[in-house]
Amino acid sequence: MREQTKESDGLSLPVVEEFYSVQGEGWNTGRAAYFIRIGGCDLCCSWCDTKYAWDAELHPLAAIGEIADRIMESGADSVVVTGGEPLMWNLDPLCELLRNNGTKTYLETSGAHPLTGIWDWITLSPKRESPPLQEIWHLADELKVVITDGTDFERAEQYSTRVSPQCKLMLQPEWSRYNEMTAAITGYVKRNSRWMVSIQAHKFMHIP
């Protein structure tokens, strides 16, 4: 993995893929957005569905100016930056460039690395082995907890005490266990209505 991450100038990033599509998860499901998936992740969750993004060395560096040009050409008014774990990289320059162009910025992160960038929306998706840093909990607009088994509900409740009262609370079945966990999640939400169900709608729609 490239040694320079947070210490880099952020003017180039290891882009795994970028595309204009529709958000398929969480509170903003159904909204059009341009997606930038950044390579590099040191969490390596066993159930991850983007393992191809873990090694930043496998993905070429792209200049943020060129990325911004492609976003403008797409006509998108918002960008979702995801990974991998995007906060392994300095995202200040990218966000500054996008916001100067009038583009809204959305982040999906585990919160395990210090926050860079300025964001219109932060989706915090904590990972069991590498919990979020203290600084990011109260900044989250959305808490998305992936449910792999019944013990994750207790973990979700513990997480919910650390975010702000305005934060949206979402429970999402891990994709490979969708059939096993969906009934449990819907039942939990019915008993605990401050939570909502998040599904990976883009997979059902067969879109990126």
N, C-alpha and C. Protein backbone atom coordinates (compact mmCIF):
# COMPACT_ATOMS: atom_id res chain seq x y z
N MET A 1 0.85 -1.19 0.00
CA MET A 1 0.00 0.00 0.00
C MET A 1 0.88 1.24 0.00
N ARG A 2 0.49 2.28 -0.71
CA ARG A 2 1.30 3.48 -0.78
C ARG A 2 1.53 4.05 0.61
N GLU A 3 2.78 4.45 0.89
CA GLU A 3 3.12 4.93 2.21
C GLU A 3 2.46 6.27 2.50
N GLN A 4 2.40 7.14 1.52
CA GLN A 4 1.84 8.46 1.76
C GLN A 4 0.32 8.42 1.65
N THR A 5 -0.32 8.70 2.73
CA THR A 5 -1.78 8.77 2.74
C THR A 5 -2.19 10.12 3.28
N LYS A 6 -2.40 10.24 4.58
CA LYS A 6 -2.80 11.51 5.15
C LYS A 6 -1.75 12.58 4.91
N GLU A 7 -0.48 12.16 4.80
CA GLU A 7 0.59 13.14 4.62
C GLU A 7 0.69 13.63 3.18
N SER A 8 0.00 13.01 2.26
CA SER A 8 0.09 13.42 0.86
C SER A 8 -0.62 14.74 0.66
N ASP A 9 -0.36 15.37 -0.48
CA ASP A 9 -0.98 16.67 -0.73
C ASP A 9 -2.42 16.55 -1.19
N GLY A 10 -2.86 15.34 -1.52
CA GLY A 10 -4.25 15.13 -1.90
C GLY A 10 -4.60 15.59 -3.30
N LEU A 11 -3.61 15.97 -4.08
CA LEU A 11 -3.88 16.45 -5.43
C LEU A 11 -4.07 15.30 -6.42
N SER A 12 -3.67 14.12 -6.03
CA SER A 12 -3.91 12.91 -6.80
C SER A 12 -4.38 11.83 -5.83
N LEU A 13 -5.30 10.97 -6.29
CA LEU A 13 -5.86 9.94 -5.45
C LEU A 13 -5.92 8.61 -6.22
N PRO A 14 -5.77 7.48 -5.53
CA PRO A 14 -5.87 6.18 -6.21
C PRO A 14 -7.33 5.82 -6.45
N VAL A 15 -7.81 6.07 -7.64
CA VAL A 15 -9.22 5.87 -7.95
C VAL A 15 -9.45 4.45 -8.46
N VAL A 16 -10.29 3.72 -7.74
CA VAL A 16 -10.65 2.37 -8.13
C VAL A 16 -11.66 2.41 -9.27
N GLU A 17 -12.66 3.25 -9.11
CA GLU A 17 -13.69 3.42 -10.13
C GLU A 17 -14.43 4.73 -9.87
N GLU A 18 -15.04 5.26 -10.90
CA GLU A 18 -15.89 6.44 -10.78
C GLU A 18 -17.00 6.32 -11.81
N PHE A 19 -18.21 6.71 -11.41
CA PHE A 19 -19.36 6.56 -12.30
C PHE A 19 -20.52 7.41 -11.79
N TYR A 20 -21.41 7.74 -12.68
CA TYR A 20 -22.62 8.50 -12.34
C TYR A 20 -23.77 7.50 -12.24
N SER A 21 -24.43 7.47 -11.11
CA SER A 21 -25.47 6.49 -10.89
C SER A 21 -26.50 7.03 -9.90
N VAL A 22 -27.12 6.12 -9.18
CA VAL A 22 -28.14 6.44 -8.18
C VAL A 22 -27.71 5.83 -6.85
N GLN A 23 -27.83 6.60 -5.79
CA GLN A 23 -27.45 6.07 -4.48
C GLN A 23 -28.36 4.89 -4.12
N GLY A 24 -27.73 3.80 -3.68
CA GLY A 24 -28.47 2.57 -3.43
C GLY A 24 -28.59 2.18 -1.98
N GLU A 25 -28.01 2.96 -1.06
CA GLU A 25 -28.03 2.58 0.35
C GLU A 25 -28.35 3.78 1.23
N GLY A 26 -28.91 3.51 2.40
CA GLY A 26 -29.05 4.52 3.42
C GLY A 26 -30.13 5.55 3.16
N TRP A 27 -30.04 6.65 3.89
CA TRP A 27 -31.05 7.70 3.90
C TRP A 27 -31.27 8.32 2.53
N ASN A 28 -30.21 8.41 1.73
CA ASN A 28 -30.29 9.10 0.43
C ASN A 28 -30.53 8.16 -0.74
N THR A 29 -31.01 6.96 -0.46
CA THR A 29 -31.32 6.01 -1.52
C THR A 29 -32.23 6.64 -2.57
N GLY A 30 -31.87 6.43 -3.83
CA GLY A 30 -32.69 6.93 -4.93
C GLY A 30 -32.22 8.24 -5.50
N ARG A 31 -31.29 8.94 -4.84
CA ARG A 31 -30.80 10.21 -5.34
C ARG A 31 -29.66 9.99 -6.33
N ALA A 32 -29.66 10.76 -7.40
CA ALA A 32 -28.58 10.68 -8.37
C ALA A 32 -27.30 11.24 -7.75
N ALA A 33 -26.17 10.62 -8.05
CA ALA A 33 -24.89 11.08 -7.54
C ALA A 33 -23.76 10.49 -8.37
N TYR A 34 -22.65 11.20 -8.37
CA TYR A 34 -21.43 10.72 -9.00
C TYR A 34 -20.60 10.03 -7.90
N PHE A 35 -20.16 8.82 -8.17
CA PHE A 35 -19.43 8.04 -7.17
C PHE A 35 -17.94 8.00 -7.49
N ILE A 36 -17.15 8.23 -6.46
CA ILE A 36 -15.70 8.07 -6.55
C ILE A 36 -15.29 7.05 -5.50
N ARG A 37 -14.78 5.92 -5.93
CA ARG A 37 -14.30 4.90 -5.01
C ARG A 37 -12.78 4.98 -4.94
N ILE A 38 -12.27 5.27 -3.75
CA ILE A 38 -10.83 5.46 -3.56
C ILE A 38 -10.22 4.18 -3.00
N GLY A 39 -9.06 3.81 -3.54
CA GLY A 39 -8.39 2.60 -3.12
C GLY A 39 -7.67 2.75 -1.80
N GLY A 40 -7.52 1.63 -1.11
CA GLY A 40 -6.83 1.59 0.16
C GLY A 40 -7.77 1.35 1.32
N CYS A 41 -7.52 0.30 2.08
CA CYS A 41 -8.29 0.03 3.28
C CYS A 41 -7.46 -0.85 4.21
N ASP A 42 -7.38 -0.46 5.48
CA ASP A 42 -6.63 -1.25 6.45
C ASP A 42 -7.55 -1.94 7.45
N LEU A 43 -8.87 -1.99 7.14
CA LEU A 43 -9.83 -2.64 8.03
C LEU A 43 -10.08 -4.09 7.61
N CYS A 44 -10.24 -4.30 6.30
CA CYS A 44 -10.29 -5.66 5.73
C CYS A 44 -11.36 -6.54 6.38
N CYS A 45 -12.59 -6.06 6.37
CA CYS A 45 -13.71 -6.82 6.94
C CYS A 45 -13.94 -8.09 6.12
N SER A 46 -14.20 -9.20 6.79
CA SER A 46 -14.34 -10.48 6.09
C SER A 46 -15.50 -10.48 5.11
N TRP A 47 -16.56 -9.71 5.41
CA TRP A 47 -17.75 -9.71 4.58
C TRP A 47 -17.76 -8.60 3.52
N CYS A 48 -16.67 -7.86 3.41
CA CYS A 48 -16.60 -6.71 2.50
C CYS A 48 -16.91 -7.13 1.07
N ASP A 49 -17.74 -6.34 0.37
CA ASP A 49 -18.06 -6.64 -1.03
C ASP A 49 -17.24 -5.80 -1.99
N THR A 50 -16.24 -5.07 -1.49
CA THR A 50 -15.34 -4.31 -2.36
C THR A 50 -13.88 -4.61 -2.00
N LYS A 51 -13.56 -5.87 -1.84
CA LYS A 51 -12.20 -6.25 -1.48
C LYS A 51 -11.19 -5.84 -2.55
N TYR A 52 -11.66 -5.70 -3.76
CA TYR A 52 -10.78 -5.27 -4.85
C TYR A 52 -10.25 -3.86 -4.63
N ALA A 53 -10.83 -3.13 -3.69
CA ALA A 53 -10.39 -1.75 -3.42
C ALA A 53 -9.37 -1.67 -2.30
N TRP A 54 -9.05 -2.77 -1.63
CA TRP A 54 -8.22 -2.71 -0.44
C TRP A 54 -6.80 -2.22 -0.71
N ASP A 55 -6.19 -2.69 -1.78
CA ASP A 55 -4.79 -2.37 -2.06
C ASP A 55 -4.70 -1.18 -3.00
N ALA A 56 -4.30 -0.03 -2.44
CA ALA A 56 -4.22 1.19 -3.24
C ALA A 56 -3.21 1.08 -4.37
N GLU A 57 -2.19 0.24 -4.19
CA GLU A 57 -1.15 0.11 -5.21
C GLU A 57 -1.69 -0.45 -6.52
N LEU A 58 -2.82 -1.12 -6.47
CA LEU A 58 -3.37 -1.72 -7.68
C LEU A 58 -4.12 -0.71 -8.54
N HIS A 59 -4.29 0.51 -8.05
CA HIS A 59 -5.14 1.47 -8.74
C HIS A 59 -4.36 2.75 -9.05
N PRO A 60 -4.44 3.22 -10.29
CA PRO A 60 -3.64 4.38 -10.71
C PRO A 60 -4.07 5.66 -10.02
N LEU A 61 -3.09 6.53 -9.78
CA LEU A 61 -3.39 7.85 -9.24
C LEU A 61 -4.06 8.70 -10.30
N ALA A 62 -5.09 9.43 -9.90
CA ALA A 62 -5.79 10.34 -10.82
C ALA A 62 -5.75 11.73 -10.23
N ALA A 63 -5.46 12.72 -11.06
CA ALA A 63 -5.42 14.10 -10.61
C ALA A 63 -6.84 14.56 -10.28
N ILE A 64 -7.00 15.27 -9.17
CA ILE A 64 -8.35 15.67 -8.76
C ILE A 64 -8.98 16.64 -9.75
N GLY A 65 -8.15 17.41 -10.47
CA GLY A 65 -8.71 18.31 -11.48
C GLY A 65 -9.38 17.54 -12.60
N GLU A 66 -8.77 16.42 -12.99
CA GLU A 66 -9.36 15.58 -14.03
C GLU A 66 -10.64 14.91 -13.53
N ILE A 67 -10.63 14.49 -12.26
CA ILE A 67 -11.84 13.92 -11.67
C ILE A 67 -12.97 14.94 -11.69
N ALA A 68 -12.65 16.17 -11.27
CA ALA A 68 -13.67 17.23 -11.24
C ALA A 68 -14.22 17.53 -12.63
N ASP A 69 -13.36 17.47 -13.63
CA ASP A 69 -13.82 17.72 -15.01
C ASP A 69 -14.83 16.65 -15.43
N ARG A 70 -14.57 15.40 -15.08
CA ARG A 70 -15.49 14.33 -15.46
C ARG A 70 -16.82 14.47 -14.72
N ILE A 71 -16.76 14.94 -13.49
CA ILE A 71 -18.00 15.16 -12.74
C ILE A 71 -18.83 16.25 -13.40
N MET A 72 -18.18 17.34 -13.78
CA MET A 72 -18.89 18.44 -14.43
C MET A 72 -19.51 17.98 -15.74
N GLU A 73 -18.78 17.17 -16.49
CA GLU A 73 -19.28 16.66 -17.77
C GLU A 73 -20.49 15.75 -17.57
N SER A 74 -20.55 15.06 -16.44
CA SER A 74 -21.65 14.13 -16.19
C SER A 74 -22.96 14.86 -15.90
N GLY A 75 -22.86 16.09 -15.42
CA GLY A 75 -24.05 16.84 -15.02
C GLY A 75 -24.48 16.58 -13.59
N ALA A 76 -23.71 15.80 -12.83
CA ALA A 76 -24.07 15.50 -11.44
C ALA A 76 -23.92 16.74 -10.57
N ASP A 77 -24.84 16.87 -9.59
CA ASP A 77 -24.73 17.99 -8.65
C ASP A 77 -24.24 17.55 -7.29
N SER A 78 -23.97 16.25 -7.12
CA SER A 78 -23.45 15.75 -5.85
C SER A 78 -22.50 14.59 -6.11
N VAL A 79 -21.57 14.41 -5.17
CA VAL A 79 -20.54 13.38 -5.29
C VAL A 79 -20.50 12.57 -3.99
N VAL A 80 -20.46 11.25 -4.13
CA VAL A 80 -20.27 10.35 -2.99
C VAL A 80 -18.84 9.82 -3.06
N VAL A 81 -18.06 10.09 -2.01
CA VAL A 81 -16.70 9.58 -1.93
C VAL A 81 -16.71 8.38 -0.98
N THR A 82 -16.28 7.24 -1.49
CA THR A 82 -16.34 6.01 -0.73
C THR A 82 -15.05 5.22 -0.96
N GLY A 83 -15.02 3.98 -0.50
CA GLY A 83 -13.80 3.21 -0.64
C GLY A 83 -14.07 1.73 -0.74
N GLY A 84 -13.10 0.96 -0.28
CA GLY A 84 -11.98 1.24 0.59
C GLY A 84 -12.36 2.09 1.80
N GLU A 85 -11.35 2.70 2.36
CA GLU A 85 -11.54 3.68 3.42
C GLU A 85 -10.97 5.01 2.95
N PRO A 86 -11.84 5.92 2.47
CA PRO A 86 -11.35 7.15 1.84
C PRO A 86 -10.57 8.07 2.77
N LEU A 87 -10.81 7.99 4.08
CA LEU A 87 -10.12 8.90 4.99
C LEU A 87 -8.67 8.49 5.25
N MET A 88 -8.19 7.47 4.59
CA MET A 88 -6.76 7.19 4.60
C MET A 88 -6.01 8.23 3.78
N TRP A 89 -6.76 9.05 3.03
CA TRP A 89 -6.16 10.03 2.13
C TRP A 89 -6.60 11.44 2.53
N ASN A 90 -5.78 12.40 2.16
CA ASN A 90 -6.09 13.81 2.41
C ASN A 90 -7.14 14.27 1.39
N LEU A 91 -8.36 14.51 1.86
CA LEU A 91 -9.46 14.86 0.96
C LEU A 91 -9.79 16.35 0.97
N ASP A 92 -8.97 17.15 1.64
CA ASP A 92 -9.21 18.59 1.66
C ASP A 92 -9.20 19.21 0.26
N PRO A 93 -8.17 18.96 -0.56
CA PRO A 93 -8.15 19.59 -1.89
C PRO A 93 -9.32 19.16 -2.77
N LEU A 94 -9.68 17.88 -2.73
CA LEU A 94 -10.79 17.41 -3.55
C LEU A 94 -12.08 18.12 -3.17
N CYS A 95 -12.36 18.17 -1.87
CA CYS A 95 -13.61 18.81 -1.43
C CYS A 95 -13.63 20.30 -1.76
N GLU A 96 -12.49 20.96 -1.59
CA GLU A 96 -12.44 22.38 -1.91
C GLU A 96 -12.74 22.62 -3.38
N LEU A 97 -12.17 21.79 -4.24
CA LEU A 97 -12.40 21.92 -5.68
C LEU A 97 -13.87 21.66 -6.02
N LEU A 98 -14.43 20.60 -5.48
CA LEU A 98 -15.82 20.25 -5.79
C LEU A 98 -16.78 21.32 -5.29
N ARG A 99 -16.57 21.79 -4.08
CA ARG A 99 -17.48 22.79 -3.52
C ARG A 99 -17.37 24.12 -4.25
N ASN A 100 -16.18 24.45 -4.72
CA ASN A 100 -16.02 25.67 -5.53
C ASN A 100 -16.79 25.57 -6.83
N ASN A 101 -17.00 24.34 -7.30
CA ASN A 101 -17.79 24.11 -8.52
C ASN A 101 -19.28 23.99 -8.23
N GLY A 102 -19.67 24.15 -6.96
CA GLY A 102 -21.08 24.06 -6.59
C GLY A 102 -21.58 22.64 -6.42
N THR A 103 -20.66 21.69 -6.25
CA THR A 103 -21.02 20.29 -6.11
C THR A 103 -21.14 19.91 -4.64
N LYS A 104 -22.21 19.23 -4.26
CA LYS A 104 -22.39 18.76 -2.90
C LYS A 104 -21.50 17.55 -2.66
N THR A 105 -20.99 17.45 -1.45
CA THR A 105 -20.05 16.38 -1.12
C THR A 105 -20.62 15.46 -0.06
N TYR A 106 -20.60 14.17 -0.36
CA TYR A 106 -21.09 13.13 0.54
C TYR A 106 -19.93 12.16 0.81
N LEU A 107 -19.81 11.72 2.06
CA LEU A 107 -18.74 10.81 2.45
C LEU A 107 -19.31 9.57 3.09
N GLU A 108 -18.76 8.42 2.73
CA GLU A 108 -19.05 7.17 3.46
C GLU A 108 -17.75 6.67 4.06
N THR A 109 -17.72 6.51 5.38
CA THR A 109 -16.50 6.17 6.07
C THR A 109 -16.76 5.31 7.30
N SER A 110 -15.74 4.57 7.70
CA SER A 110 -15.78 3.84 8.97
C SER A 110 -15.47 4.76 10.14
N GLY A 111 -14.87 5.90 9.84
CA GLY A 111 -14.49 6.84 10.89
C GLY A 111 -13.24 6.46 11.65
N ALA A 112 -12.50 5.47 11.16
CA ALA A 112 -11.32 4.98 11.87
C ALA A 112 -10.08 5.84 11.65
N HIS A 113 -10.18 6.81 10.74
CA HIS A 113 -9.07 7.71 10.46
C HIS A 113 -9.53 9.15 10.64
N PRO A 114 -8.61 10.08 10.93
CA PRO A 114 -8.99 11.48 11.11
C PRO A 114 -9.70 12.05 9.90
N LEU A 115 -10.68 12.89 10.17
CA LEU A 115 -11.50 13.47 9.10
C LEU A 115 -10.74 14.55 8.35
N THR A 116 -10.78 14.47 7.03
CA THR A 116 -10.35 15.57 6.16
C THR A 116 -11.49 15.87 5.21
N GLY A 117 -11.47 17.05 4.61
CA GLY A 117 -12.53 17.45 3.69
C GLY A 117 -13.67 18.14 4.42
N ILE A 118 -14.48 18.85 3.64
CA ILE A 118 -15.69 19.49 4.14
C ILE A 118 -16.87 18.82 3.45
N TRP A 119 -17.87 18.38 4.24
CA TRP A 119 -18.89 17.48 3.74
C TRP A 119 -20.29 17.99 4.01
N ASP A 120 -21.15 17.85 3.00
CA ASP A 120 -22.56 18.16 3.18
C ASP A 120 -23.28 17.03 3.89
N TRP A 121 -22.71 15.81 3.80
CA TRP A 121 -23.37 14.65 4.42
C TRP A 121 -22.30 13.62 4.74
N ILE A 122 -22.30 13.12 5.98
CA ILE A 122 -21.36 12.07 6.38
C ILE A 122 -22.14 10.85 6.81
N THR A 123 -21.92 9.75 6.11
CA THR A 123 -22.46 8.45 6.52
C THR A 123 -21.37 7.71 7.28
N LEU A 124 -21.64 7.44 8.53
CA LEU A 124 -20.69 6.73 9.38
C LEU A 124 -21.11 5.26 9.47
N SER A 125 -20.23 4.38 9.01
CA SER A 125 -20.51 2.94 9.04
C SER A 125 -19.42 2.26 9.86
N PRO A 126 -19.59 2.19 11.18
CA PRO A 126 -18.53 1.68 12.06
C PRO A 126 -18.23 0.21 11.81
N LYS A 127 -16.98 -0.13 12.01
CA LYS A 127 -16.54 -1.52 11.90
C LYS A 127 -16.12 -2.02 13.28
N ARG A 128 -16.50 -3.23 13.59
CA ARG A 128 -16.34 -3.79 14.92
C ARG A 128 -14.88 -3.75 15.40
N GLU A 129 -13.94 -4.10 14.52
CA GLU A 129 -12.55 -4.23 14.93
C GLU A 129 -11.82 -2.90 15.00
N SER A 130 -12.33 -1.86 14.32
CA SER A 130 -11.67 -0.55 14.29
C SER A 130 -12.71 0.53 14.47
N PRO A 131 -13.12 0.81 15.70
CA PRO A 131 -14.20 1.76 15.95
C PRO A 131 -13.83 3.18 15.52
N PRO A 132 -14.83 4.01 15.26
CA PRO A 132 -14.58 5.40 14.85
C PRO A 132 -13.82 6.19 15.91
N LEU A 133 -13.08 7.19 15.44
CA LEU A 133 -12.42 8.11 16.35
C LEU A 133 -13.46 8.99 17.04
N GLN A 134 -13.14 9.45 18.20
CA GLN A 134 -14.06 10.25 18.99
C GLN A 134 -14.59 11.46 18.23
N GLU A 135 -13.72 12.09 17.44
CA GLU A 135 -14.06 13.36 16.79
C GLU A 135 -15.19 13.26 15.77
N ILE A 136 -15.43 12.07 15.22
CA ILE A 136 -16.36 11.98 14.10
C ILE A 136 -17.78 11.61 14.51
N TRP A 137 -17.97 11.06 15.70
CA TRP A 137 -19.30 10.59 16.07
C TRP A 137 -20.35 11.69 15.93
N HIS A 138 -20.09 12.85 16.51
CA HIS A 138 -21.11 13.90 16.54
C HIS A 138 -21.26 14.61 15.20
N LEU A 139 -20.36 14.33 14.26
CA LEU A 139 -20.44 14.94 12.93
C LEU A 139 -21.27 14.11 11.96
N ALA A 140 -21.58 12.88 12.33
CA ALA A 140 -22.29 11.98 11.41
C ALA A 140 -23.73 12.44 11.19
N ASP A 141 -24.12 12.50 9.93
CA ASP A 141 -25.52 12.77 9.57
C ASP A 141 -26.33 11.49 9.55
N GLU A 142 -25.62 10.38 9.35
CA GLU A 142 -26.28 9.08 9.21
C GLU A 142 -25.38 8.02 9.83
N LEU A 143 -25.96 7.19 10.67
CA LEU A 143 -25.27 6.03 11.23
C LEU A 143 -25.82 4.79 10.54
N LYS A 144 -24.98 4.11 9.79
CA LYS A 144 -25.39 2.90 9.08
C LYS A 144 -24.65 1.71 9.64
N VAL A 145 -25.39 0.81 10.29
CA VAL A 145 -24.78 -0.36 10.92
C VAL A 145 -25.12 -1.59 10.09
N VAL A 146 -24.09 -2.28 9.63
CA VAL A 146 -24.27 -3.51 8.86
C VAL A 146 -24.52 -4.65 9.84
N ILE A 147 -25.61 -5.38 9.63
CA ILE A 147 -26.02 -6.46 10.52
C ILE A 147 -25.65 -7.80 9.88
N THR A 148 -24.75 -8.51 10.56
CA THR A 148 -24.35 -9.84 10.08
C THR A 148 -24.94 -10.96 10.93
N ASP A 149 -25.22 -10.64 12.21
CA ASP A 149 -25.85 -11.64 13.09
C ASP A 149 -26.57 -10.90 14.21
N GLY A 150 -27.23 -11.66 15.08
CA GLY A 150 -28.07 -11.06 16.11
C GLY A 150 -27.33 -10.21 17.12
N THR A 151 -26.03 -10.45 17.29
CA THR A 151 -25.27 -9.66 18.26
C THR A 151 -25.04 -8.22 17.80
N ASP A 152 -25.22 -7.97 16.52
CA ASP A 152 -24.95 -6.62 15.99
C ASP A 152 -25.99 -5.60 16.43
N PHE A 153 -27.17 -6.03 16.84
CA PHE A 153 -28.18 -5.08 17.29
C PHE A 153 -27.73 -4.37 18.57
N GLU A 154 -27.13 -5.12 19.48
CA GLU A 154 -26.63 -4.49 20.71
C GLU A 154 -25.53 -3.49 20.39
N ARG A 155 -24.68 -3.86 19.46
CA ARG A 155 -23.61 -2.96 19.03
C ARG A 155 -24.20 -1.69 18.41
N ALA A 156 -25.24 -1.84 17.60
CA ALA A 156 -25.89 -0.69 16.98
C ALA A 156 -26.45 0.26 18.03
N GLU A 157 -27.05 -0.29 19.07
CA GLU A 157 -27.59 0.56 20.13
C GLU A 157 -26.48 1.31 20.85
N GLN A 158 -25.37 0.65 21.08
CA GLN A 158 -24.24 1.33 21.71
C GLN A 158 -23.74 2.47 20.84
N TYR A 159 -23.66 2.23 19.55
CA TYR A 159 -23.23 3.29 18.64
C TYR A 159 -24.21 4.46 18.66
N SER A 160 -25.48 4.17 18.72
CA SER A 160 -26.50 5.23 18.61
C SER A 160 -26.43 6.22 19.76
N THR A 161 -25.84 5.82 20.89
CA THR A 161 -25.72 6.74 22.03
C THR A 161 -24.60 7.75 21.82
N ARG A 162 -23.78 7.55 20.79
CA ARG A 162 -22.61 8.41 20.59
C ARG A 162 -22.80 9.43 19.49
N VAL A 163 -23.82 9.27 18.66
CA VAL A 163 -24.08 10.24 17.60
C VAL A 163 -25.05 11.30 18.09
N SER A 164 -25.24 12.35 17.29
CA SER A 164 -26.12 13.43 17.69
C SER A 164 -27.58 12.99 17.61
N PRO A 165 -28.49 13.67 18.31
CA PRO A 165 -29.91 13.31 18.25
C PRO A 165 -30.50 13.44 16.85
N GLN A 166 -29.89 14.27 16.00
CA GLN A 166 -30.40 14.47 14.64
C GLN A 166 -29.93 13.40 13.65
N CYS A 167 -28.99 12.58 14.05
CA CYS A 167 -28.41 11.59 13.15
C CYS A 167 -29.45 10.54 12.77
N LYS A 168 -29.52 10.20 11.48
CA LYS A 168 -30.42 9.16 11.00
C LYS A 168 -29.83 7.79 11.33
N LEU A 169 -30.66 6.91 11.84
CA LEU A 169 -30.20 5.59 12.29
C LEU A 169 -30.68 4.51 11.33
N MET A 170 -29.74 3.80 10.71
CA MET A 170 -30.05 2.83 9.67
C MET A 170 -29.43 1.47 9.99
N LEU A 171 -30.21 0.41 9.78
CA LEU A 171 -29.74 -0.96 9.91
C LEU A 171 -29.76 -1.62 8.54
N GLN A 172 -28.64 -2.20 8.15
CA GLN A 172 -28.53 -2.78 6.80
C GLN A 172 -28.04 -4.21 6.87
N PRO A 173 -28.77 -5.15 6.26
CA PRO A 173 -28.29 -6.54 6.25
C PRO A 173 -27.04 -6.69 5.39
N GLU A 174 -26.08 -7.44 5.91
CA GLU A 174 -24.90 -7.76 5.11
C GLU A 174 -25.36 -8.57 3.91
N TRP A 175 -24.89 -8.23 2.73
CA TRP A 175 -25.48 -8.72 1.49
C TRP A 175 -25.51 -10.24 1.39
N SER A 176 -24.45 -10.91 1.82
CA SER A 176 -24.42 -12.36 1.68
C SER A 176 -25.37 -13.04 2.67
N ARG A 177 -25.89 -12.28 3.65
CA ARG A 177 -26.81 -12.83 4.64
C ARG A 177 -28.16 -12.11 4.58
N TYR A 178 -28.44 -11.53 3.43
CA TYR A 178 -29.68 -10.76 3.28
C TYR A 178 -30.91 -11.59 3.64
N ASN A 179 -31.00 -12.80 3.11
CA ASN A 179 -32.18 -13.64 3.36
C ASN A 179 -32.31 -14.02 4.83
N GLU A 180 -31.16 -14.27 5.48
CA GLU A 180 -31.19 -14.68 6.88
C GLU A 180 -31.52 -13.53 7.82
N MET A 181 -31.06 -12.31 7.50
CA MET A 181 -31.13 -11.23 8.48
C MET A 181 -32.27 -10.24 8.24
N THR A 182 -32.88 -10.24 7.07
CA THR A 182 -33.89 -9.23 6.77
C THR A 182 -35.07 -9.30 7.73
N ALA A 183 -35.58 -10.49 8.02
CA ALA A 183 -36.72 -10.62 8.92
C ALA A 183 -36.37 -10.11 10.31
N ALA A 184 -35.16 -10.43 10.77
CA ALA A 184 -34.74 -9.97 12.09
C ALA A 184 -34.64 -8.45 12.14
N ILE A 185 -34.13 -7.86 11.07
CA ILE A 185 -33.98 -6.40 11.03
C ILE A 185 -35.33 -5.71 10.97
N THR A 186 -36.22 -6.19 10.13
CA THR A 186 -37.54 -5.55 10.04
C THR A 186 -38.29 -5.69 11.36
N GLY A 187 -38.16 -6.84 12.01
CA GLY A 187 -38.79 -7.02 13.31
C GLY A 187 -38.22 -6.06 14.34
N TYR A 188 -36.91 -5.87 14.30
CA TYR A 188 -36.26 -4.97 15.25
C TYR A 188 -36.72 -3.52 15.04
N VAL A 189 -36.81 -3.11 13.78
CA VAL A 189 -37.25 -1.75 13.47
C VAL A 189 -38.70 -1.54 13.90
N LYS A 190 -39.52 -2.54 13.76
CA LYS A 190 -40.92 -2.43 14.21
C LYS A 190 -41.01 -2.23 15.71
N ARG A 191 -40.07 -2.82 16.44
CA ARG A 191 -40.06 -2.67 17.90
C ARG A 191 -39.29 -1.43 18.36
N ASN A 192 -38.46 -0.89 17.46
CA ASN A 192 -37.60 0.25 17.80
C ASN A 192 -37.65 1.24 16.64
N SER A 193 -38.71 2.05 16.62
CA SER A 193 -39.05 2.82 15.41
C SER A 193 -38.12 3.99 15.13
N ARG A 194 -37.18 4.27 16.00
CA ARG A 194 -36.23 5.34 15.66
C ARG A 194 -35.22 4.86 14.63
N TRP A 195 -35.13 3.54 14.45
CA TRP A 195 -34.27 2.96 13.42
C TRP A 195 -35.04 2.80 12.12
N MET A 196 -34.31 2.78 11.00
CA MET A 196 -34.87 2.50 9.68
C MET A 196 -34.08 1.37 9.02
N VAL A 197 -34.72 0.71 8.06
CA VAL A 197 -34.06 -0.35 7.30
C VAL A 197 -33.37 0.26 6.09
N SER A 198 -32.13 -0.13 5.88
CA SER A 198 -31.41 0.22 4.66
C SER A 198 -31.13 -1.06 3.90
N ILE A 199 -31.46 -1.08 2.62
CA ILE A 199 -31.11 -2.22 1.78
C ILE A 199 -30.24 -1.73 0.64
N GLN A 200 -29.49 -2.63 0.04
CA GLN A 200 -28.64 -2.27 -1.08
C GLN A 200 -29.47 -2.34 -2.36
N ALA A 201 -30.26 -1.28 -2.54
CA ALA A 201 -31.22 -1.25 -3.65
C ALA A 201 -30.54 -1.36 -5.00
N HIS A 202 -29.32 -0.83 -5.12
CA HIS A 202 -28.64 -0.86 -6.42
C HIS A 202 -28.35 -2.29 -6.86
N LYS A 203 -28.20 -3.21 -5.91
CA LYS A 203 -27.95 -4.61 -6.29
C LYS A 203 -29.22 -5.26 -6.84
N PHE A 204 -30.35 -4.90 -6.28
CA PHE A 204 -31.61 -5.40 -6.82
C PHE A 204 -31.92 -4.78 -8.19
N MET A 205 -31.47 -3.55 -8.37
CA MET A 205 -31.72 -2.83 -9.63
C MET A 205 -30.69 -3.17 -10.70
N HIS A 206 -29.63 -3.89 -10.30
CA HIS A 206 -28.55 -4.27 -11.22
C HIS A 206 -27.91 -3.07 -11.86
N ILE A 207 -27.59 -2.07 -11.00
CA ILE A 207 -26.86 -0.89 -11.45
C ILE A 207 -25.62 -0.75 -10.58
N PRO A 208 -24.60 -0.01 -11.01
CA PRO A 208 -23.37 0.16 -10.21
C PRO A 208 -23.67 0.80 -8.86
